[in-house]
Amino acid sequence: MPGVERAKQGRRAVRPDPTSGPVAEFADELWQLKLRAGDPSYDTIRTVYGAAASKSSLAAAARGQHLPSRDTTWEYVRALAVTALGEDEDAARAEWFEKWEKARARIEGGPLVQRSAPKPDRPVKMRGSTVAIAVVLLLLAVLVTSAEQGPLVATGVPAHLARLVPGDNVGMRRMVNYPNGAVVHPGTDIVKIWELVNAGSATWTDRYLARIDPVRPDGCTSPERVPIAMTRPGQAVLVAAPFHVPEQLGQCVVRWKMVDARGRQFFPESLYVQLHVIIA
C-alpha cells in the first residue's frame, strides 16, 4: 500500500541540513517541494506524476549528498510542481534551473552563469451510472461561471507551442471534488468534477474531455469521453465524468485531455486532468 511504502521511506530518509552547504540547501528545497505536494513516495512520483527518472535518482536528489543533474532536477520538479501542484511549467522551469545554477556556482566557487532553461525534447506524458449521475451531468453541461471568481491554479500550453485552434488556451482552476489521493469505498459510483477556464481567445464549442488511459480490469470504468459546455474566452466551466469504482482495493488513476468530435487533442503537449483516488 502507498502509505506503507511512504512509512518505509520515511524511516530510511534523513532530511538534509540546509546549513551544511549548498548541496544540502538545494536538496532541502526539493524536500520542501515534495512535502507541499503531499509527500508522495518516489514510486508515486514516477508512476502517477510521470517523472522520467529512476526512483533511486529522485531519492538521491533530495538526500543532499551530491548535486543532482539538471535533467533529474527537472523531472523531480516537473512531476511535483507542475503535475501534482498545478504550477506554471515555464515559471517552474526558470525558477528551479536558476536555483540549480546558483547551487552549482557555489559548489564550484565560480561566478553564476545564467543559462536559458532548455525545453523538453519530448512530449511530457501526462500519467452503469444511476439516474442521479445523469442529472448531475446534465446540470453541469450548462453551468458556466465567470473566470473572475478566483485565480487559476494551473495553466495550459505556453504561447510558443502549436495549437489546434489559433489563440486557444486552457487552465484548470480547481478540482471541485475528490482531490488527488481521496479515499473512496470499493464498488461505488462517483462523479468527478473539474473546473476549467478558457484562457485564450477562441470560443470552445463541440469539445470533450477524452479518457487517455485504457480501462483496466481492476481499474475505474467510465465513458470514453464527456462533453464540455460552450465556453467563451474568460469564462470557466464545470466538467464532470462518472466512474464506477472496482471492488478491488488499491488506487485508481485515470487521465483526460481535451479533444474535438474527431478525437484530435487541442493541447497535446500540456494540460490534462485526472482522477486519482485510493480505494479503501
C-alpha atoms as a PDB file:
ATOM      1  CA  MET A   1       0.000   0.000   0.000  1.00  0.00           C
ATOM      2  CA  PRO A   2       1.260   3.556  -0.709  1.00  0.00           C
ATOM      3  CA  GLY A   3       1.113   4.534   2.965  1.00  0.00           C
ATOM      4  CA  VAL A   4       3.258   1.587   3.991  1.00  0.00           C
ATOM      5  CA  GLU A   5       5.777   2.389   1.299  1.00  0.00           C
ATOM      6  CA  ARG A   6       5.911   6.039   2.381  1.00  0.00           C
ATOM      7  CA  ALA A   7       6.420   4.997   6.006  1.00  0.00           C
ATOM      8  CA  LYS A   8       9.346   2.800   4.993  1.00  0.00           C
ATOM      9  CA  GLN A   9      10.843   5.648   3.006  1.00  0.00           C
ATOM     10  CA  GLY A  10      10.417   7.975   5.970  1.00  0.00           C
ATOM     11  CA  ARG A  11      12.379   5.612   8.224  1.00  0.00           C
ATOM     12  CA  ARG A  12      15.225   5.426   5.709  1.00  0.00           C
ATOM     13  CA  ALA A  13      15.306   9.053   4.591  1.00  0.00           C
ATOM     14  CA  VAL A  14      17.092  11.725   6.602  1.00  0.00           C
ATOM     15  CA  ARG A  15      16.239  15.299   5.756  1.00  0.00           C
ATOM     16  CA  PRO A  16      19.389  17.255   4.828  1.00  0.00           C
ATOM     17  CA  ASP A  17      20.574  20.118   6.993  1.00  0.00           C
ATOM     18  CA  PRO A  18      20.321  23.237   4.789  1.00  0.00           C
ATOM     19  CA  THR A  19      23.028  24.987   6.824  1.00  0.00           C
ATOM     20  CA  SER A  20      25.656  22.360   5.951  1.00  0.00           C
ATOM     21  CA  GLY A  21      26.322  23.603   2.416  1.00  0.00           C
ATOM     22  CA  PRO A  22      24.852  24.435  -0.999  1.00  0.00           C
ATOM     23  CA  VAL A  23      24.119  20.809  -1.935  1.00  0.00           C
ATOM     24  CA  ALA A  24      22.150  20.177   1.252  1.00  0.00           C
ATOM     25  CA  GLU A  25      20.410  23.553   0.929  1.00  0.00           C
ATOM     26  CA  PHE A  26      19.267  22.711  -2.604  1.00  0.00           C
ATOM     27  CA  ALA A  27      18.196  19.220  -1.525  1.00  0.00           C
ATOM     28  CA  ASP A  28      16.190  20.689   1.336  1.00  0.00           C
ATOM     29  CA  GLU A  29      14.271  22.863  -1.146  1.00  0.00           C
ATOM     30  CA  LEU A  30      13.467  19.730  -3.149  1.00  0.00           C
ATOM     31  CA  TRP A  31      12.363  18.082   0.098  1.00  0.00           C
ATOM     32  CA  GLN A  32      10.066  21.024   0.877  1.00  0.00           C
ATOM     33  CA  LEU A  33       8.548  20.791  -2.617  1.00  0.00           C
ATOM     34  CA  LYS A  34       7.801  17.113  -2.020  1.00  0.00           C
ATOM     35  CA  LEU A  35       6.079  17.942   1.276  1.00  0.00           C
ATOM     36  CA  ARG A  36       3.941  20.645  -0.386  1.00  0.00           C
ATOM     37  CA  ALA A  37       2.806  18.038  -2.920  1.00  0.00           C
ATOM     38  CA  GLY A  38       1.566  15.762  -0.137  1.00  0.00           C
ATOM     39  CA  ASP A  39       4.795  13.813   0.446  1.00  0.00           C
ATOM     40  CA  PRO A  40       4.178  11.142  -2.225  1.00  0.00           C
ATOM     41  CA  SER A  41       6.509   8.162  -2.446  1.00  0.00           C
ATOM     42  CA  TYR A  42       9.229   8.251  -5.091  1.00  0.00           C
ATOM     43  CA  ASP A  43       7.497   5.404  -6.851  1.00  0.00           C
ATOM     44  CA  THR A  44       4.302   7.501  -6.977  1.00  0.00           C
ATOM     45  CA  ILE A  45       6.284  10.458  -8.348  1.00  0.00           C
ATOM     46  CA  ARG A  46       7.326   8.189 -11.224  1.00  0.00           C
ATOM     47  CA  THR A  47       4.218   6.123 -11.910  1.00  0.00           C
ATOM     48  CA  VAL A  48       1.450   8.623 -11.094  1.00  0.00           C
ATOM     49  CA  TYR A  49       3.051  12.017 -11.737  1.00  0.00           C
ATOM     50  CA  GLY A  50       5.210  10.863 -14.655  1.00  0.00           C
ATOM     51  CA  ALA A  51       8.793  11.690 -13.613  1.00  0.00           C
ATOM     52  CA  ALA A  52      11.163  10.230 -16.223  1.00  0.00           C
ATOM     53  CA  ALA A  53      13.877   9.380 -13.707  1.00  0.00           C
ATOM     54  CA  SER A  54      14.632   6.338 -11.596  1.00  0.00           C
ATOM     55  CA  LYS A  55      13.341   6.076  -8.046  1.00  0.00           C
ATOM     56  CA  SER A  56      16.917   5.994  -6.755  1.00  0.00           C
ATOM     57  CA  SER A  57      17.831   9.163  -8.682  1.00  0.00           C
ATOM     58  CA  LEU A  58      14.816  11.019  -7.315  1.00  0.00           C
ATOM     59  CA  ALA A  59      15.598   9.904  -3.768  1.00  0.00           C
ATOM     60  CA  ALA A  60      19.274  10.845  -4.138  1.00  0.00           C
ATOM     61  CA  ALA A  61      18.319  14.335  -5.351  1.00  0.00           C
ATOM     62  CA  ALA A  62      16.634  15.098  -2.017  1.00  0.00           C
ATOM     63  CA  ARG A  63      19.262  13.312   0.084  1.00  0.00           C
ATOM     64  CA  GLY A  64      21.761  16.171  -0.182  1.00  0.00           C
ATOM     65  CA  GLN A  65      24.990  14.231  -0.748  1.00  0.00           C
ATOM     66  CA  HIS A  66      25.514  15.238  -4.382  1.00  0.00           C
ATOM     67  CA  LEU A  67      24.000  17.913  -6.591  1.00  0.00           C
ATOM     68  CA  PRO A  68      21.551  16.157  -8.949  1.00  0.00           C
ATOM     69  CA  SER A  69      21.849  16.678 -12.701  1.00  0.00           C
ATOM     70  CA  ARG A  70      19.725  19.323 -14.387  1.00  0.00           C
ATOM     71  CA  ASP A  71      17.678  16.593 -16.059  1.00  0.00           C
ATOM     72  CA  THR A  72      16.950  14.781 -12.796  1.00  0.00           C
ATOM     73  CA  THR A  73      16.156  18.092 -11.110  1.00  0.00           C
ATOM     74  CA  TRP A  74      13.645  18.984 -13.802  1.00  0.00           C
ATOM     75  CA  GLU A  75      11.910  15.594 -13.731  1.00  0.00           C
ATOM     76  CA  TYR A  76      11.610  15.881  -9.931  1.00  0.00           C
ATOM     77  CA  VAL A  77      10.252  19.429 -10.170  1.00  0.00           C
ATOM     78  CA  ARG A  78       8.020  18.888 -13.207  1.00  0.00           C
ATOM     79  CA  ALA A  79       6.293  15.908 -11.600  1.00  0.00           C
ATOM     80  CA  LEU A  80       5.657  17.656  -8.283  1.00  0.00           C
ATOM     81  CA  ALA A  81       5.419  21.391  -9.022  1.00  0.00           C
ATOM     82  CA  VAL A  82       3.694  21.184 -12.410  1.00  0.00           C
ATOM     83  CA  THR A  83       1.731  17.932 -12.419  1.00  0.00           C
ATOM     84  CA  ALA A  84       0.930  17.494  -8.719  1.00  0.00           C
ATOM     85  CA  LEU A  85       0.623  21.150  -7.642  1.00  0.00           C
ATOM     86  CA  GLY A  86      -0.506  22.709 -10.936  1.00  0.00           C
ATOM     87  CA  GLU A  87       2.186  25.393 -11.171  1.00  0.00           C
ATOM     88  CA  ASP A  88       3.046  27.038 -14.495  1.00  0.00           C
ATOM     89  CA  GLU A  89       5.570  24.882 -16.355  1.00  0.00           C
ATOM     90  CA  ASP A  90       7.692  27.699 -17.794  1.00  0.00           C
ATOM     91  CA  ALA A  91       7.806  29.572 -14.494  1.00  0.00           C
ATOM     92  CA  ALA A  92       8.741  26.429 -12.556  1.00  0.00           C
ATOM     93  CA  ARG A  93      11.478  25.569 -15.054  1.00  0.00           C
ATOM     94  CA  ALA A  94      13.002  29.050 -14.875  1.00  0.00           C
ATOM     95  CA  GLU A  95      12.817  29.190 -11.066  1.00  0.00           C
ATOM     96  CA  TRP A  96      14.392  25.799 -10.402  1.00  0.00           C
ATOM     97  CA  PHE A  97      17.103  25.999 -13.033  1.00  0.00           C
ATOM     98  CA  GLU A  98      18.139  29.332 -11.532  1.00  0.00           C
ATOM     99  CA  LYS A  99      18.322  27.649  -8.110  1.00  0.00           C
ATOM    100  CA  TRP A 100      20.333  24.795  -9.612  1.00  0.00           C
ATOM    101  CA  GLU A 101      22.784  27.200 -11.294  1.00  0.00           C
ATOM    102  CA  LYS A 102      23.279  29.129  -8.047  1.00  0.00           C
ATOM    103  CA  ALA A 103      23.975  25.906  -6.153  1.00  0.00           C
ATOM    104  CA  ARG A 104      26.429  24.744  -8.831  1.00  0.00           C
ATOM    105  CA  ALA A 105      28.251  28.075  -8.797  1.00  0.00           C
ATOM    106  CA  ARG A 106      28.618  27.960  -5.005  1.00  0.00           C
ATOM    107  CA  ILE A 107      29.917  24.394  -5.137  1.00  0.00           C
ATOM    108  CA  GLU A 108      32.476  25.188  -7.838  1.00  0.00           C
ATOM    109  CA  GLY A 109      33.411  28.517  -6.291  1.00  0.00           C
ATOM    110  CA  GLY A 110      32.925  30.333  -9.586  1.00  0.00           C
ATOM    111  CA  PRO A 111      30.598  33.075 -10.816  1.00  0.00           C
ATOM    112  CA  LEU A 112      26.961  32.361 -11.530  1.00  0.00           C
ATOM    113  CA  VAL A 113      26.406  31.765 -15.243  1.00  0.00           C
ATOM    114  CA  GLN A 114      22.804  32.294 -16.267  1.00  0.00           C
ATOM    115  CA  ARG A 115      21.683  29.787 -18.877  1.00  0.00           C
ATOM    116  CA  SER A 116      18.306  29.604 -20.502  1.00  0.00           C
ATOM    117  CA  ALA A 117      16.203  26.708 -19.378  1.00  0.00           C
ATOM    118  CA  PRO A 118      16.050  24.046 -22.110  1.00  0.00           C
ATOM    119  CA  LYS A 119      12.707  22.935 -23.381  1.00  0.00           C
ATOM    120  CA  PRO A 120      11.827  19.242 -23.122  1.00  0.00           C
ATOM    121  CA  ASP A 121      12.770  17.354 -26.303  1.00  0.00           C
ATOM    122  CA  ARG A 122       9.776  15.069 -25.965  1.00  0.00           C
ATOM    123  CA  PRO A 123       6.139  15.488 -25.076  1.00  0.00           C
ATOM    124  CA  VAL A 124       5.536  15.276 -21.378  1.00  0.00           C
ATOM    125  CA  LYS A 125       3.431  12.268 -20.530  1.00  0.00           C
ATOM    126  CA  MET A 126       0.886  13.417 -18.723  1.00  0.00           C
ATOM    127  CA  ARG A 127       0.269   9.783 -16.373  1.00  0.00           C
ATOM    128  CA  GLY A 128     -23.756   1.584 -15.062  1.00  0.00           C
ATOM    129  CA  SER A 129     -24.295   5.107 -13.677  1.00  0.00           C
ATOM    130  CA  THR A 130     -27.548   5.966 -11.916  1.00  0.00           C
ATOM    131  CA  VAL A 131     -30.246   8.456 -12.928  1.00  0.00           C
ATOM    132  CA  ALA A 132     -28.873  10.865 -10.318  1.00  0.00           C
ATOM    133  CA  ILE A 133     -25.493  10.905 -12.047  1.00  0.00           C
ATOM    134  CA  ALA A 134     -27.154  11.614 -15.391  1.00  0.00           C
ATOM    135  CA  VAL A 135     -28.977  14.569 -13.840  1.00  0.00           C
ATOM    136  CA  VAL A 136     -25.721  15.943 -12.395  1.00  0.00           C
ATOM    137  CA  LEU A 137     -24.033  15.719 -15.791  1.00  0.00           C
ATOM    138  CA  LEU A 138     -26.946  17.460 -17.488  1.00  0.00           C
ATOM    139  CA  LEU A 139     -26.832  20.334 -14.999  1.00  0.00           C
ATOM    140  CA  LEU A 140     -23.064  20.700 -15.229  1.00  0.00           C
ATOM    141  CA  ALA A 141     -23.171  20.778 -19.029  1.00  0.00           C
ATOM    142  CA  VAL A 142     -24.873  24.185 -18.862  1.00  0.00           C
ATOM    143  CA  LEU A 143     -23.162  25.607 -15.781  1.00  0.00           C
ATOM    144  CA  VAL A 144     -20.650  28.246 -16.890  1.00  0.00           C
ATOM    145  CA  THR A 145     -19.187  30.758 -14.441  1.00  0.00           C
ATOM    146  CA  SER A 146     -17.085  33.893 -14.674  1.00  0.00           C
ATOM    147  CA  ALA A 147     -13.306  33.471 -14.573  1.00  0.00           C
ATOM    148  CA  GLU A 148     -13.114  36.458 -12.213  1.00  0.00           C
ATOM    149  CA  GLN A 149     -14.268  34.343  -9.263  1.00  0.00           C
ATOM    150  CA  GLY A 150     -10.746  33.291  -8.343  1.00  0.00           C
ATOM    151  CA  PRO A 151      -7.189  32.785  -9.598  1.00  0.00           C
ATOM    152  CA  LEU A 152      -6.144  29.916 -11.797  1.00  0.00           C
ATOM    153  CA  VAL A 153      -4.181  27.140 -10.142  1.00  0.00           C
ATOM    154  CA  ALA A 154      -2.791  25.653 -13.355  1.00  0.00           C
ATOM    155  CA  THR A 155      -2.165  26.950 -16.841  1.00  0.00           C
ATOM    156  CA  GLY A 156      -2.366  25.215 -20.171  1.00  0.00           C
ATOM    157  CA  VAL A 157       0.011  25.230 -23.107  1.00  0.00           C
ATOM    158  CA  PRO A 158       2.625  28.008 -23.297  1.00  0.00           C
ATOM    159  CA  ALA A 159       2.302  30.524 -26.125  1.00  0.00           C
ATOM    160  CA  HIS A 160       5.178  29.087 -28.189  1.00  0.00           C
ATOM    161  CA  LEU A 161       3.526  25.680 -28.641  1.00  0.00           C
ATOM    162  CA  ALA A 162       1.327  24.988 -31.656  1.00  0.00           C
ATOM    163  CA  ARG A 163      -2.393  24.674 -31.055  1.00  0.00           C
ATOM    164  CA  LEU A 164      -5.157  23.006 -32.975  1.00  0.00           C
ATOM    165  CA  VAL A 165      -7.004  26.357 -32.899  1.00  0.00           C
ATOM    166  CA  PRO A 166      -5.033  29.652 -33.124  1.00  0.00           C
ATOM    167  CA  GLY A 167      -5.294  31.740 -29.958  1.00  0.00           C
ATOM    168  CA  ASP A 168      -6.593  28.813 -27.925  1.00  0.00           C
ATOM    169  CA  ASN A 169      -5.523  28.288 -24.315  1.00  0.00           C
ATOM    170  CA  VAL A 170      -6.789  26.496 -21.239  1.00  0.00           C
ATOM    171  CA  GLY A 171      -6.299  26.480 -17.487  1.00  0.00           C
ATOM    172  CA  MET A 172      -7.543  24.315 -14.663  1.00  0.00           C
ATOM    173  CA  ARG A 173      -8.777  26.400 -11.741  1.00  0.00           C
ATOM    174  CA  ARG A 174      -9.535  23.568  -9.333  1.00  0.00           C
ATOM    175  CA  MET A 175     -10.703  20.045  -8.726  1.00  0.00           C
ATOM    176  CA  VAL A 176     -14.186  20.557  -7.311  1.00  0.00           C
ATOM    177  CA  ASN A 177     -14.300  17.205  -5.531  1.00  0.00           C
ATOM    178  CA  TYR A 178     -12.244  14.058  -4.970  1.00  0.00           C
ATOM    179  CA  PRO A 179      -8.795  15.694  -4.751  1.00  0.00           C
ATOM    180  CA  ASN A 180      -5.773  13.571  -5.606  1.00  0.00           C
ATOM    181  CA  GLY A 181      -5.458  10.786  -3.049  1.00  0.00           C
ATOM    182  CA  ALA A 182      -9.078  10.977  -1.869  1.00  0.00           C
ATOM    183  CA  VAL A 183     -10.356   7.756  -0.288  1.00  0.00           C
ATOM    184  CA  VAL A 184     -13.455   6.133  -1.808  1.00  0.00           C
ATOM    185  CA  HIS A 185     -15.330   2.951  -0.960  1.00  0.00           C
ATOM    186  CA  PRO A 186     -14.999  -0.079  -3.244  1.00  0.00           C
ATOM    187  CA  GLY A 187     -17.842  -0.851  -5.610  1.00  0.00           C
ATOM    188  CA  THR A 188     -19.356   2.658  -5.583  1.00  0.00           C
ATOM    189  CA  ASP A 189     -20.380   5.149  -8.286  1.00  0.00           C
ATOM    190  CA  ILE A 190     -18.837   8.627  -8.133  1.00  0.00           C
ATOM    191  CA  VAL A 191     -18.825  11.754 -10.292  1.00  0.00           C
ATOM    192  CA  LYS A 192     -15.524  13.623 -10.607  1.00  0.00           C
ATOM    193  CA  ILE A 193     -15.814  17.368 -11.359  1.00  0.00           C
ATOM    194  CA  TRP A 194     -13.133  19.737 -12.680  1.00  0.00           C
ATOM    195  CA  GLU A 195     -13.358  23.490 -13.268  1.00  0.00           C
ATOM    196  CA  LEU A 196     -11.604  24.545 -16.477  1.00  0.00           C
ATOM    197  CA  VAL A 197     -11.028  28.100 -17.699  1.00  0.00           C
ATOM    198  CA  ASN A 198     -10.969  29.319 -21.280  1.00  0.00           C
ATOM    199  CA  ALA A 199      -7.763  31.353 -21.044  1.00  0.00           C
ATOM    200  CA  GLY A 200      -7.430  32.016 -24.773  1.00  0.00           C
ATOM    201  CA  SER A 201      -9.250  33.989 -27.473  1.00  0.00           C
ATOM    202  CA  ALA A 202     -11.194  31.144 -29.110  1.00  0.00           C
ATOM    203  CA  THR A 203     -14.701  30.108 -28.048  1.00  0.00           C
ATOM    204  CA  TRP A 204     -14.975  26.441 -27.069  1.00  0.00           C
ATOM    205  CA  THR A 205     -17.678  24.585 -28.991  1.00  0.00           C
ATOM    206  CA  ASP A 206     -18.151  20.862 -29.634  1.00  0.00           C
ATOM    207  CA  ARG A 207     -15.387  19.915 -27.223  1.00  0.00           C
ATOM    208  CA  TYR A 208     -14.955  16.964 -24.913  1.00  0.00           C
ATOM    209  CA  LEU A 209     -12.702  15.532 -22.254  1.00  0.00           C
ATOM    210  CA  ALA A 210     -11.471  12.165 -23.538  1.00  0.00           C
ATOM    211  CA  ARG A 211     -10.026   9.400 -21.403  1.00  0.00           C
ATOM    212  CA  ILE A 212      -6.392   8.782 -22.424  1.00  0.00           C
ATOM    213  CA  ASP A 213      -5.737   5.848 -20.074  1.00  0.00           C
ATOM    214  CA  PRO A 214      -7.086   2.414 -21.051  1.00  0.00           C
ATOM    215  CA  VAL A 215      -9.761   0.701 -18.974  1.00  0.00           C
ATOM    216  CA  ARG A 216      -8.118  -1.949 -16.793  1.00  0.00           C
ATOM    217  CA  PRO A 217      -9.941  -4.973 -15.366  1.00  0.00           C
ATOM    218  CA  ASP A 218      -9.112  -3.815 -11.830  1.00  0.00           C
ATOM    219  CA  GLY A 219      -9.489  -0.085 -12.540  1.00  0.00           C
ATOM    220  CA  CYS A 220     -12.218   2.548 -12.559  1.00  0.00           C
ATOM    221  CA  THR A 221     -14.597   2.364 -15.504  1.00  0.00           C
ATOM    222  CA  SER A 222     -16.030   5.451 -17.186  1.00  0.00           C
ATOM    223  CA  PRO A 223     -17.284   6.761 -20.534  1.00  0.00           C
ATOM    224  CA  GLU A 224     -14.613   7.266 -23.189  1.00  0.00           C
ATOM    225  CA  ARG A 225     -15.414  10.977 -23.244  1.00  0.00           C
ATOM    226  CA  VAL A 226     -17.679  13.574 -21.606  1.00  0.00           C
ATOM    227  CA  PRO A 227     -18.978  16.853 -23.100  1.00  0.00           C
ATOM    228  CA  ILE A 228     -17.750  20.359 -22.331  1.00  0.00           C
ATOM    229  CA  ALA A 229     -20.356  23.125 -22.498  1.00  0.00           C
ATOM    230  CA  MET A 230     -19.824  26.041 -24.869  1.00  0.00           C
ATOM    231  CA  THR A 231     -17.363  28.361 -23.122  1.00  0.00           C
ATOM    232  CA  ARG A 232     -16.352  31.850 -24.246  1.00  0.00           C
ATOM    233  CA  PRO A 233     -12.912  33.392 -23.614  1.00  0.00           C
ATOM    234  CA  GLY A 234     -12.524  34.410 -19.990  1.00  0.00           C
ATOM    235  CA  GLN A 235     -15.223  32.054 -18.745  1.00  0.00           C
ATOM    236  CA  ALA A 236     -14.944  28.937 -16.597  1.00  0.00           C
ATOM    237  CA  VAL A 237     -16.907  25.726 -16.986  1.00  0.00           C
ATOM    238  CA  LEU A 238     -17.528  22.698 -14.797  1.00  0.00           C
ATOM    239  CA  VAL A 239     -16.904  19.355 -16.491  1.00  0.00           C
ATOM    240  CA  ALA A 240     -17.922  16.055 -14.901  1.00  0.00           C
ATOM    241  CA  ALA A 241     -17.208  12.393 -15.550  1.00  0.00           C
ATOM    242  CA  PRO A 242     -18.957   9.418 -13.897  1.00  0.00           C
ATOM    243  CA  PHE A 243     -16.871   6.496 -12.637  1.00  0.00           C
ATOM    244  CA  HIS A 244     -17.596   3.068 -11.249  1.00  0.00           C
ATOM    245  CA  VAL A 245     -15.039   2.165  -8.592  1.00  0.00           C
ATOM    246  CA  PRO A 246     -13.994  -1.511  -8.612  1.00  0.00           C
ATOM    247  CA  GLU A 247     -14.299  -3.836  -5.635  1.00  0.00           C
ATOM    248  CA  GLN A 248     -10.552  -4.428  -5.531  1.00  0.00           C
ATOM    249  CA  LEU A 249      -8.618  -2.318  -3.019  1.00  0.00           C
ATOM    250  CA  GLY A 250      -5.750  -0.161  -4.230  1.00  0.00           C
ATOM    251  CA  GLN A 251      -5.655   3.061  -6.217  1.00  0.00           C
ATOM    252  CA  CYS A 252      -7.213   4.306  -9.426  1.00  0.00           C
ATOM    253  CA  VAL A 253      -5.651   6.893 -11.776  1.00  0.00           C
ATOM    254  CA  VAL A 254      -7.407   7.998 -14.968  1.00  0.00           C
ATOM    255  CA  ARG A 255      -6.180  10.927 -17.092  1.00  0.00           C
ATOM    256  CA  TRP A 256      -8.239  13.022 -19.530  1.00  0.00           C
ATOM    257  CA  LYS A 257      -7.402  15.549 -22.277  1.00  0.00           C
ATOM    258  CA  MET A 258      -9.498  17.971 -24.313  1.00  0.00           C
ATOM    259  CA  VAL A 259     -10.432  16.761 -27.815  1.00  0.00           C
ATOM    260  CA  ASP A 260     -12.771  17.655 -30.662  1.00  0.00           C
ATOM    261  CA  ALA A 261     -15.517  15.444 -32.099  1.00  0.00           C
ATOM    262  CA  ARG A 262     -12.910  13.633 -34.230  1.00  0.00           C
ATOM    263  CA  GLY A 263     -10.713  12.885 -31.232  1.00  0.00           C
ATOM    264  CA  ARG A 264      -7.964  15.394 -32.065  1.00  0.00           C
ATOM    265  CA  GLN A 265      -6.267  16.839 -28.990  1.00  0.00           C
ATOM    266  CA  PHE A 266      -6.391  20.606 -28.595  1.00  0.00           C
ATOM    267  CA  PHE A 267      -3.398  20.695 -26.231  1.00  0.00           C
ATOM    268  CA  PRO A 268      -1.247  17.618 -26.977  1.00  0.00           C
ATOM    269  CA  GLU A 269       1.848  18.924 -25.203  1.00  0.00           C
ATOM    270  CA  SER A 270       0.299  20.151 -21.979  1.00  0.00           C
ATOM    271  CA  LEU A 271      -2.722  20.154 -19.702  1.00  0.00           C
ATOM    272  CA  TYR A 272      -4.501  17.007 -18.680  1.00  0.00           C
ATOM    273  CA  VAL A 273      -6.873  16.443 -15.783  1.00  0.00           C
ATOM    274  CA  GLN A 274      -7.119  13.271 -13.778  1.00  0.00           C
ATOM    275  CA  LEU A 275      -8.995  11.200 -11.267  1.00  0.00           C
ATOM    276  CA  HIS A 276      -6.694   9.780  -8.582  1.00  0.00           C
ATOM    277  CA  VAL A 277      -8.432   8.016  -5.716  1.00  0.00           C
ATOM    278  CA  ILE A 278      -7.474   5.444  -3.118  1.00  0.00           C
ATOM    279  CA  ILE A 279      -9.899   2.518  -2.857  1.00  0.00           C
ATOM    280  CA  ALA A 280     -10.068   1.522   0.801  1.00  0.00           C
END
